[in-house]
Amino acid sequence: MATQKLYAGVKLRETRVRLGLTQKDFAGKLGVSLPYLNQMENNHRPVSTGVVLALAQEFGFDVTELSTGDAERMVTDMREALADPVFGEATPPLADLRLAASNAPALARAFLELHRAYRQTHERLASLDEALGREDSAIAPSPWEEVRDFFHYCDNYIDAVDRAAERVATSLAADGEGGPAACMAYLAARGVTVRLADGPVLRRYDPARAELTLAARTAPATQHFQLLHQIALLTQADLLDATLDFARFQSEEARDIAKIGLANYFAGAALLPYTAFLEAAQDCRHDLEVLADRFGASIEQVAHRLSTLQRPGAKGVPFFFVRVDQAGTITKRHSATRLQFARFGGACPLWNVHRAFETPGQFLRQLAETPDGVRYLCLARDVSKPGGSFKAPVRRYAIGLGCEVRHAGALVYADDLDIGNSAAFEPIGISCRICERVNCHQRSVPPLERPLRVDHDERGVLPYRID
């Protein structure tokens, strides 16, 4: 696979402005000419190895911040948006999309917002939504999608909240062995009573009585998580509100949903504190079952947390994490890798996450390759969430976790896999509409970027051929 050049002009320019340096002074410290720096800042040239080293040596810059993660995310999102039939055949080439994501990220985000507003309006009309004719029917992004994109473009890592959670976790551990009992004592010291009760509600807090009620039949890991969630709401309100102010959500509904998300983030970060969890993950080579047992967490909590270990200067293996329901709909998604998930619809049917429902309680491993030639080690496992009684519904999901194969040596799951054999890698994609593979037997719709040829006298797996 060819080495990918690093175009990071926007990040380079932001760094110079933050340091208060002119282009001339910045070029001198980096050991390059003024025209060369200007070309790099405008993405006419890639950032050279010498510049990367100079950034680290002169300014202590975390060079991993120059990664093209945000740009790649936007390129994938724009390709999916442009696959909408409304654009017809006028699809810009991939090179133009990369230039837009690198040179004009604000414009790219505005385009995505515009397309999202169009989709929402189209869906309202198609379903005869009651919004027709209402005075307050102004186009606005779905609050849920707005929050999802907020975490998506933050790399699912919120530094201030993560560090606050780590401090609380240290405090809880200092008071005893940690766990739910330590959380209850922590809340009791602040005048909050905790009790367990039967019922369908996982967590209910009564501010007037300062009483927190948890579902008695849920797993200990779930109870622990809900205790930490309540600690976040009661003791970190200022921090959560400041983070929400920074995000500038367009509606109160989005802000309220995001507050739940931030409290959940805090709970996960306190349950699995960054430094201790990262060290443990490296020591056991990211064995999810070992980590779940050590920290008293669920497999899903551990997998999700692994995908958030992106603290500057102390990053873990960049993972992607996804959760899908039995219909294949993505209910959680995040990627610190180049693999990005479809914003609309489900995941590629060739991906092993869909087979996890067939083998409950087992980890499935898959060596996979995306159309861009990047290879991944993928894990999948089913996750069942019982309701706690015979008549209560059981929620079933499958989770997927993976990383680029160059990190496979850090995972116990890579042992005995034939990573050096190209034939061992299965082809997977992102979304049929933007996947360029011509020989996929699971394709649901043709790609909009490629011409089709239909032969009435011959039929293969698909009723058309992709040129």
Protein backbone atom coordinates (compact mmCIF):
# COMPACT_ATOMS: atom_id res chain seq x y z
CA MET A 1 0.00 0.00 0.00
CA ALA A 2 1.40 3.42 -0.97
CA THR A 3 2.43 5.80 1.79
CA GLN A 4 -0.17 8.54 2.25
CA LYS A 5 1.21 12.09 2.10
CA LEU A 6 0.37 14.37 5.01
CA TYR A 7 -1.47 17.54 4.02
CA ALA A 8 -2.17 19.50 7.21
CA GLY A 9 -2.13 23.14 6.14
CA VAL A 10 -5.06 24.21 8.30
CA LYS A 11 -3.54 22.66 11.44
CA LEU A 12 -0.13 24.14 10.61
CA ARG A 13 -1.62 27.60 10.18
CA GLU A 14 -3.64 27.29 13.41
CA THR A 15 -0.47 26.32 15.27
CA ARG A 16 1.43 29.35 13.96
CA VAL A 17 -1.39 31.75 14.84
CA ARG A 18 -1.71 30.23 18.33
CA LEU A 19 2.02 30.80 18.87
CA GLY A 20 1.72 34.41 17.69
CA LEU A 21 4.38 34.04 14.99
CA THR A 22 4.55 35.55 11.53
CA GLN A 23 5.08 33.28 8.57
CA LYS A 24 8.66 34.50 8.31
CA ASP A 25 9.49 33.76 11.97
CA PHE A 26 7.69 30.40 11.87
CA ALA A 27 9.53 29.38 8.71
CA GLY A 28 12.85 30.29 10.33
CA LYS A 29 12.17 28.13 13.39
CA LEU A 30 11.10 25.22 11.19
CA GLY A 31 14.17 25.56 8.98
CA VAL A 32 12.26 26.09 5.72
CA SER A 33 11.88 28.96 3.30
CA LEU A 34 8.96 31.38 3.49
CA PRO A 35 7.50 30.25 0.11
CA TYR A 36 7.77 26.59 1.16
CA LEU A 37 5.87 27.28 4.40
CA ASN A 38 3.23 29.20 2.46
CA GLN A 39 2.76 26.24 0.11
CA MET A 40 2.41 23.83 3.05
CA GLU A 41 -0.14 26.06 4.80
CA ASN A 42 -2.21 26.15 1.62
CA ASN A 43 -1.89 22.38 1.09
CA HIS A 44 0.03 22.81 -2.14
CA ARG A 45 2.80 20.69 -0.62
CA PRO A 46 2.66 17.94 2.01
CA VAL A 47 4.21 18.54 5.44
CA SER A 48 7.77 17.22 5.26
CA THR A 49 9.42 14.93 7.79
CA GLY A 50 11.85 17.72 8.72
CA VAL A 51 8.97 20.05 9.58
CA VAL A 52 7.30 17.39 11.70
CA LEU A 53 10.54 16.87 13.66
CA ALA A 54 11.05 20.63 14.04
CA LEU A 55 7.52 21.06 15.41
CA ALA A 56 8.23 18.44 18.05
CA GLN A 57 11.70 19.75 18.95
CA GLU A 58 11.06 23.50 18.82
CA PHE A 59 7.55 23.66 20.26
CA GLY A 60 6.96 20.30 21.96
CA PHE A 61 4.10 19.82 19.52
CA ASP A 62 2.22 16.51 19.61
CA VAL A 63 2.69 15.63 15.96
CA THR A 64 -0.18 13.13 16.06
CA GLU A 65 -2.45 16.20 16.02
CA LEU A 66 -1.39 16.65 12.37
CA SER A 67 -3.19 13.44 11.42
CA THR A 68 -5.81 13.75 8.74
CA GLY A 69 -8.57 12.13 10.84
CA ASP A 70 -11.01 15.07 10.63
CA ALA A 71 -10.36 15.53 6.91
CA GLU A 72 -10.90 11.84 6.20
CA ARG A 73 -14.11 11.88 8.22
CA MET A 74 -15.42 14.82 6.21
CA VAL A 75 -14.38 13.26 2.90
CA THR A 76 -16.34 10.10 3.75
CA ASP A 77 -19.34 12.12 4.91
CA MET A 78 -19.29 14.26 1.75
CA ARG A 79 -19.01 11.23 -0.53
CA GLU A 80 -22.02 9.69 1.15
CA ALA A 81 -23.99 12.94 0.90
CA LEU A 82 -23.06 13.35 -2.77
CA ALA A 83 -24.27 9.81 -3.44
CA ASP A 84 -27.78 11.16 -2.90
CA PRO A 85 -29.68 10.94 -6.21
CA VAL A 86 -30.51 14.66 -5.94
CA PHE A 87 -26.96 15.39 -7.18
CA GLY A 88 -27.37 13.20 -10.26
CA GLU A 89 -24.11 12.48 -12.02
CA ALA A 90 -22.43 15.75 -11.03
CA THR A 91 -20.20 14.11 -8.41
CA PRO A 92 -16.90 15.92 -7.78
CA PRO A 93 -13.77 13.75 -7.99
CA LEU A 94 -12.28 12.42 -4.77
CA ALA A 95 -9.27 14.73 -5.09
CA ASP A 96 -11.56 17.79 -5.00
CA LEU A 97 -13.32 16.52 -1.89
CA ARG A 98 -9.99 16.04 -0.13
CA LEU A 99 -8.93 19.55 -1.05
CA ALA A 100 -12.20 20.96 0.31
CA ALA A 101 -11.90 19.00 3.58
CA SER A 102 -8.27 20.07 4.05
CA ASN A 103 -8.40 23.69 2.82
CA ALA A 104 -11.96 24.70 3.70
CA PRO A 105 -13.25 22.48 6.54
CA ALA A 106 -15.83 25.08 7.60
CA LEU A 107 -17.30 25.10 4.08
CA ALA A 108 -17.34 21.29 4.03
CA ARG A 109 -19.23 21.19 7.34
CA ALA A 110 -21.69 23.80 6.03
CA PHE A 111 -22.34 21.60 2.99
CA LEU A 112 -23.00 18.59 5.25
CA GLU A 113 -25.37 20.65 7.38
CA LEU A 114 -27.21 21.78 4.25
CA HIS A 115 -27.58 18.23 2.97
CA ARG A 116 -28.77 17.02 6.35
CA ALA A 117 -31.43 19.76 6.39
CA TYR A 118 -32.51 18.74 2.89
CA ARG A 119 -32.79 15.07 3.89
CA GLN A 120 -34.86 15.92 6.93
CA THR A 121 -37.22 18.10 4.91
CA HIS A 122 -37.54 15.45 2.22
CA GLU A 123 -38.35 12.78 4.82
CA ARG A 124 -40.98 15.03 6.39
CA LEU A 125 -42.70 15.55 3.07
CA ALA A 126 -42.53 11.87 2.18
CA SER A 127 -44.17 10.85 5.44
CA LEU A 128 -46.78 13.65 5.39
CA ASP A 129 -45.25 15.05 8.53
CA GLU A 130 -47.46 17.39 10.51
CA ALA A 131 -44.76 20.01 10.19
CA LEU A 132 -46.34 21.01 6.88
CA GLY A 133 -48.05 24.32 7.38
CA ARG A 134 -46.82 24.89 10.92
CA GLU A 135 -45.42 28.29 11.75
CA ASP A 136 -42.44 26.75 13.53
CA SER A 137 -41.47 24.37 10.74
CA ALA A 138 -38.12 26.02 10.04
CA ILE A 139 -35.46 23.60 8.84
CA ALA A 140 -33.16 22.51 11.66
CA PRO A 141 -30.88 19.53 12.15
CA SER A 142 -32.20 16.63 14.15
CA PRO A 143 -31.07 17.13 17.77
CA TRP A 144 -29.91 13.53 17.91
CA GLU A 145 -27.82 13.88 14.74
CA GLU A 146 -26.39 17.20 15.92
CA VAL A 147 -25.15 15.61 19.15
CA ARG A 148 -23.85 12.55 17.34
CA ASP A 149 -21.81 14.76 15.02
CA PHE A 150 -20.48 16.78 17.97
CA PHE A 151 -18.89 13.69 19.51
CA HIS A 152 -17.90 12.41 16.07
CA TYR A 153 -15.81 15.47 15.27
CA CYS A 154 -14.35 15.68 18.78
CA ASP A 155 -12.77 12.25 18.15
CA ASN A 156 -15.08 11.10 20.96
CA TYR A 157 -12.52 12.47 23.42
CA ILE A 158 -13.43 15.44 25.66
CA ASP A 159 -10.22 16.28 27.51
CA ALA A 160 -11.57 18.40 30.39
CA VAL A 161 -14.36 15.93 31.18
CA ASP A 162 -12.01 12.95 30.87
CA ARG A 163 -9.47 14.44 33.28
CA ALA A 164 -12.18 15.44 35.77
CA ALA A 165 -13.50 11.88 35.72
CA GLU A 166 -10.01 10.53 36.32
CA ARG A 167 -9.64 12.78 39.38
CA VAL A 168 -12.96 11.58 40.79
CA ALA A 169 -11.95 7.96 40.15
CA THR A 170 -8.71 8.55 42.06
CA SER A 171 -10.68 10.04 44.94
CA LEU A 172 -13.08 7.09 45.01
CA ALA A 173 -10.21 4.60 44.99
CA ALA A 174 -8.48 6.46 47.83
CA ASP A 175 -11.59 6.10 50.00
CA GLY A 176 -11.72 2.32 49.58
CA GLU A 177 -11.72 -0.34 46.89
CA GLY A 178 -13.88 1.67 44.51
CA GLY A 179 -16.92 0.16 42.84
CA PRO A 180 -20.60 0.86 43.54
CA ALA A 181 -20.08 0.92 47.30
CA ALA A 182 -17.51 3.72 47.03
CA CYS A 183 -19.88 5.68 44.77
CA MET A 184 -22.71 5.30 47.26
CA ALA A 185 -20.46 6.52 50.08
CA TYR A 186 -19.34 9.44 47.88
CA LEU A 187 -22.97 10.43 47.30
CA ALA A 188 -23.92 9.87 50.94
CA ALA A 189 -21.21 12.31 51.98
CA ARG A 190 -23.00 14.87 49.83
CA GLY A 191 -26.39 14.16 51.36
CA VAL A 192 -27.72 11.82 48.68
CA THR A 193 -29.43 8.56 49.64
CA VAL A 194 -29.18 5.60 47.28
CA ARG A 195 -31.67 2.75 47.22
CA LEU A 196 -32.40 -0.22 44.97
CA ALA A 197 -35.91 -1.06 43.77
CA ASP A 198 -37.67 -3.24 41.22
CA GLY A 199 -38.99 -1.45 38.19
CA PRO A 200 -38.32 -0.64 34.54
CA VAL A 201 -36.42 2.63 35.21
CA LEU A 202 -32.64 2.25 35.37
CA ARG A 203 -32.08 5.43 37.37
CA ARG A 204 -34.36 8.02 38.96
CA TYR A 205 -33.19 11.01 41.01
CA ASP A 206 -35.56 12.96 43.26
CA PRO A 207 -33.95 16.40 43.86
CA ALA A 208 -36.46 17.36 46.58
CA ARG A 209 -35.62 14.31 48.67
CA ALA A 210 -32.01 13.97 47.46
CA GLU A 211 -32.74 10.33 46.74
CA LEU A 212 -31.33 8.22 43.93
CA THR A 213 -33.16 5.02 42.97
CA LEU A 214 -31.51 2.34 40.83
CA ALA A 215 -33.04 -0.75 39.23
CA ALA A 216 -32.20 -3.67 41.51
CA ARG A 217 -32.16 -6.30 38.76
CA THR A 218 -29.59 -4.69 36.50
CA ALA A 219 -25.98 -5.90 36.28
CA PRO A 220 -23.46 -4.47 38.79
CA ALA A 221 -21.56 -2.81 35.93
CA THR A 222 -24.74 -1.00 34.89
CA GLN A 223 -25.50 0.11 38.45
CA HIS A 224 -21.93 1.36 38.82
CA PHE A 225 -22.20 3.31 35.56
CA GLN A 226 -25.51 4.92 36.61
CA LEU A 227 -24.03 5.94 39.97
CA LEU A 228 -21.14 7.64 38.20
CA HIS A 229 -23.56 9.28 35.77
CA GLN A 230 -25.44 10.81 38.71
CA ILE A 231 -22.17 11.94 40.30
CA ALA A 232 -21.39 13.78 37.06
CA LEU A 233 -24.74 15.57 37.05
CA LEU A 234 -24.48 16.56 40.74
CA THR A 235 -20.80 17.46 41.06
CA GLN A 236 -19.68 18.44 37.55
CA ALA A 237 -22.58 20.66 36.45
CA ASP A 238 -20.38 23.71 35.79
CA LEU A 239 -17.94 21.72 33.66
CA LEU A 240 -20.71 20.07 31.67
CA ASP A 241 -22.46 23.40 31.08
CA ALA A 242 -19.21 25.05 29.97
CA THR A 243 -18.63 22.25 27.47
CA LEU A 244 -22.19 22.58 26.21
CA ASP A 245 -21.75 26.36 25.84
CA PHE A 246 -18.65 25.74 23.73
CA ALA A 247 -20.55 23.34 21.45
CA ARG A 248 -23.24 25.97 20.63
CA PHE A 249 -26.05 23.57 19.86
CA GLN A 250 -28.92 24.93 17.80
CA SER A 251 -31.73 23.73 20.05
CA GLU A 252 -32.44 23.06 23.71
CA GLU A 253 -33.30 19.48 22.81
CA ALA A 254 -29.81 18.95 21.37
CA ARG A 255 -28.23 20.55 24.43
CA ASP A 256 -30.25 18.30 26.75
CA ILE A 257 -29.30 15.17 24.80
CA ALA A 258 -25.65 16.24 24.78
CA LYS A 259 -25.71 16.73 28.55
CA ILE A 260 -26.75 13.10 28.93
CA GLY A 261 -23.96 12.15 26.52
CA LEU A 262 -21.38 14.13 28.49
CA ALA A 263 -22.53 12.60 31.78
CA ASN A 264 -22.29 9.17 30.16
CA TYR A 265 -18.82 10.08 28.92
CA PHE A 266 -17.83 11.10 32.45
CA ALA A 267 -19.22 7.84 33.85
CA GLY A 268 -17.28 5.74 31.35
CA ALA A 269 -14.09 7.71 31.97
CA ALA A 270 -14.45 7.36 35.77
CA LEU A 271 -15.28 3.67 35.55
CA LEU A 272 -12.24 3.15 33.30
CA PRO A 273 -9.83 5.98 34.26
CA TYR A 274 -7.56 6.97 31.40
CA THR A 275 -4.03 6.34 32.68
CA ALA A 276 -4.76 3.14 34.61
CA PHE A 277 -6.95 1.76 31.83
CA LEU A 278 -4.43 2.54 29.08
CA GLU A 279 -1.63 0.83 31.04
CA ALA A 280 -3.81 -2.20 31.74
CA ALA A 281 -4.88 -2.42 28.08
CA GLN A 282 -1.27 -2.37 26.93
CA ASP A 283 -0.23 -4.94 29.56
CA CYS A 284 -2.91 -7.49 28.59
CA ARG A 285 -2.68 -6.66 24.87
CA HIS A 286 -6.21 -5.29 24.78
CA ASP A 287 -7.93 -8.46 25.98
CA LEU A 288 -11.48 -7.20 26.48
CA GLU A 289 -12.49 -9.94 28.90
CA VAL A 290 -9.46 -9.36 31.11
CA LEU A 291 -10.13 -5.62 31.17
CA ALA A 292 -13.83 -6.10 31.92
CA ASP A 293 -13.01 -8.36 34.86
CA ARG A 294 -10.28 -6.09 36.21
CA PHE A 295 -12.38 -2.92 36.16
CA GLY A 296 -15.80 -4.44 36.86
CA ALA A 297 -17.14 -3.23 33.53
CA SER A 298 -19.09 -4.76 30.66
CA ILE A 299 -17.53 -5.84 27.37
CA GLU A 300 -19.35 -3.02 25.59
CA GLN A 301 -18.10 -0.42 28.09
CA VAL A 302 -14.52 -1.63 27.63
CA ALA A 303 -14.75 -1.66 23.83
CA HIS A 304 -16.27 1.84 23.74
CA ARG A 305 -13.61 3.19 26.11
CA LEU A 306 -10.80 1.78 23.98
CA SER A 307 -12.04 3.89 21.09
CA THR A 308 -11.72 7.10 23.16
CA LEU A 309 -8.06 6.79 24.19
CA GLN A 310 -6.94 9.80 22.15
CA ARG A 311 -5.42 12.05 24.83
CA PRO A 312 -2.70 14.25 23.30
CA GLY A 313 0.72 12.93 24.29
CA ALA A 314 -0.67 9.64 25.61
CA LYS A 315 -2.72 8.14 22.80
CA GLY A 316 -3.64 4.49 22.70
CA VAL A 317 -4.17 2.31 19.66
CA PRO A 318 -6.60 4.13 17.33
CA PHE A 319 -9.71 1.94 17.25
CA PHE A 320 -13.08 2.15 15.58
CA PHE A 321 -16.14 1.15 17.59
CA VAL A 322 -19.66 0.50 16.41
CA ARG A 323 -22.85 -0.99 17.77
CA VAL A 324 -25.62 -2.31 15.53
CA ASP A 325 -29.07 -3.69 16.26
CA GLN A 326 -30.56 -6.83 14.77
CA ALA A 327 -31.83 -4.89 11.77
CA GLY A 328 -28.28 -3.75 10.99
CA THR A 329 -28.93 -0.13 11.99
CA ILE A 330 -25.96 1.62 13.55
CA THR A 331 -26.88 2.85 17.03
CA LYS A 332 -23.39 3.93 18.14
CA ARG A 333 -20.42 4.77 15.98
CA HIS A 334 -16.99 6.24 16.40
CA SER A 335 -13.71 5.89 14.57
CA ALA A 336 -10.23 7.11 15.37
CA THR A 337 -9.07 5.27 12.22
CA ARG A 338 -9.43 6.02 8.53
CA LEU A 339 -12.48 3.73 8.41
CA GLN A 340 -15.61 5.86 8.71
CA PHE A 341 -19.16 4.59 9.04
CA ALA A 342 -22.13 5.55 6.93
CA ARG A 343 -24.09 8.45 8.41
CA PHE A 344 -27.34 7.00 7.09
CA GLY A 345 -28.42 3.36 6.95
CA GLY A 346 -26.47 0.33 8.12
CA ALA A 347 -22.98 -1.08 7.85
CA CYS A 348 -21.51 -3.20 5.04
CA PRO A 349 -23.15 -6.68 5.12
CA LEU A 350 -19.76 -8.33 4.50
CA TRP A 351 -18.51 -7.10 7.84
CA ASN A 352 -18.32 -9.71 10.62
CA VAL A 353 -20.34 -7.58 13.06
CA HIS A 354 -23.53 -8.90 11.41
CA ARG A 355 -22.52 -12.52 12.03
CA ALA A 356 -22.07 -11.96 15.75
CA PHE A 357 -25.76 -12.65 16.40
CA GLU A 358 -25.24 -16.18 15.06
CA THR A 359 -22.51 -17.02 17.62
CA PRO A 360 -23.63 -15.59 20.99
CA GLY A 361 -20.95 -15.19 23.63
CA GLN A 362 -18.05 -15.59 21.20
CA PHE A 363 -15.58 -13.15 19.70
CA LEU A 364 -15.40 -13.23 15.91
CA ARG A 365 -12.17 -12.14 14.23
CA GLN A 366 -11.89 -10.84 10.70
CA LEU A 367 -9.08 -9.53 8.55
CA ALA A 368 -10.70 -6.97 6.28
CA GLU A 369 -9.69 -4.56 3.54
CA THR A 370 -11.59 -1.43 2.50
CA PRO A 371 -11.72 -0.20 -1.11
CA ASP A 372 -8.94 2.33 -0.41
CA GLY A 373 -6.54 -0.55 0.30
CA VAL A 374 -6.35 -0.05 4.08
CA ARG A 375 -6.38 -3.31 6.05
CA TYR A 376 -7.97 -3.86 9.45
CA LEU A 377 -8.25 -6.41 12.22
CA CYS A 378 -11.93 -6.49 13.21
CA LEU A 379 -13.58 -8.01 16.29
CA ALA A 380 -17.29 -8.60 16.73
CA ARG A 381 -19.43 -9.94 19.55
CA ASP A 382 -23.09 -10.00 20.45
CA VAL A 383 -24.27 -8.07 23.52
CA SER A 384 -27.51 -8.98 25.28
CA LYS A 385 -29.15 -6.73 27.84
CA PRO A 386 -31.78 -8.68 29.81
CA GLY A 387 -34.69 -6.84 31.35
CA GLY A 388 -34.36 -8.60 34.71
CA SER A 389 -37.53 -10.68 34.62
CA PHE A 390 -39.22 -13.34 32.50
CA LYS A 391 -41.60 -10.97 30.72
CA ALA A 392 -39.15 -8.11 30.35
CA PRO A 393 -37.79 -7.60 26.81
CA VAL A 394 -34.18 -8.51 26.03
CA ARG A 395 -32.27 -5.96 23.98
CA ARG A 396 -29.76 -7.51 21.61
CA TYR A 397 -26.94 -5.73 19.84
CA ALA A 398 -23.65 -6.58 18.21
CA ILE A 399 -20.53 -4.53 18.79
CA GLY A 400 -17.58 -4.16 16.48
CA LEU A 401 -14.07 -3.04 17.43
CA GLY A 402 -11.03 -2.85 15.22
CA CYS A 403 -7.81 -1.16 14.23
CA GLU A 404 -5.52 -0.91 11.25
CA VAL A 405 -3.55 -4.11 10.83
CA ARG A 406 -0.25 -2.31 11.50
CA HIS A 407 -1.32 -2.20 15.17
CA ALA A 408 -2.35 -5.86 15.24
CA GLY A 409 0.73 -6.91 17.21
CA ALA A 410 -0.61 -4.96 20.20
CA LEU A 411 -3.79 -7.12 20.27
CA VAL A 412 -3.99 -10.63 21.65
CA TYR A 413 -6.67 -11.32 19.04
CA ALA A 414 -4.08 -11.13 16.25
CA ASP A 415 -2.22 -14.21 17.47
CA ASP A 416 -2.21 -17.05 14.91
CA LEU A 417 -3.88 -14.94 12.19
CA ASP A 418 -2.19 -14.99 8.78
CA ILE A 419 -1.68 -11.22 8.60
CA GLY A 420 1.03 -11.50 5.95
CA ASN A 421 -1.28 -13.27 3.50
CA SER A 422 -3.17 -10.86 1.24
CA ALA A 423 -5.74 -13.53 0.44
CA ALA A 424 -6.72 -13.70 4.14
CA PHE A 425 -8.29 -10.22 4.01
CA GLU A 426 -11.99 -10.03 3.17
CA PRO A 427 -13.28 -7.05 1.14
CA ILE A 428 -15.62 -4.75 3.05
CA GLY A 429 -16.99 -1.29 2.26
CA ILE A 430 -18.70 1.68 3.87
CA SER A 431 -21.96 2.17 1.98
CA CYS A 432 -23.08 0.58 -1.28
CA ARG A 433 -23.72 3.99 -2.82
CA ILE A 434 -20.09 5.06 -2.44
CA CYS A 435 -18.38 1.65 -2.64
CA GLU A 436 -16.54 1.16 -5.91
CA ARG A 437 -16.17 -2.63 -5.79
CA VAL A 438 -17.47 -4.17 -9.02
CA ASN A 439 -17.77 -7.80 -7.87
CA CYS A 440 -19.64 -7.60 -4.56
CA HIS A 441 -22.30 -10.29 -4.27
CA GLN A 442 -24.03 -8.46 -1.38
CA ARG A 443 -24.48 -5.12 -3.13
CA SER A 444 -27.93 -3.64 -2.44
CA VAL A 445 -27.81 -0.63 -4.80
CA PRO A 446 -25.37 0.36 -7.56
CA PRO A 447 -22.69 2.97 -6.88
CA LEU A 448 -23.65 6.39 -8.17
CA GLU A 449 -20.10 7.30 -9.17
CA ARG A 450 -19.75 4.48 -11.74
CA PRO A 451 -21.60 3.89 -15.03
CA LEU A 452 -23.73 0.73 -15.34
CA ARG A 453 -24.09 -1.69 -18.22
CA VAL A 454 -27.18 -3.88 -18.53
CA ASP A 455 -27.15 -6.97 -20.76
CA HIS A 456 -30.63 -8.40 -21.38
CA ASP A 457 -29.12 -11.66 -22.62
CA GLU A 458 -26.92 -12.38 -19.62
CA ARG A 459 -27.48 -12.34 -15.86
CA GLY A 460 -24.88 -12.72 -13.12
CA VAL A 461 -25.29 -12.26 -9.37
CA LEU A 462 -26.43 -8.69 -10.08
CA PRO A 463 -28.73 -7.60 -12.93
CA TYR A 464 -26.11 -5.11 -14.15
CA ARG A 465 -22.39 -4.68 -14.55
CA ILE A 466 -20.34 -1.83 -13.14
CA ASP A 467 -17.87 -0.28 -15.59
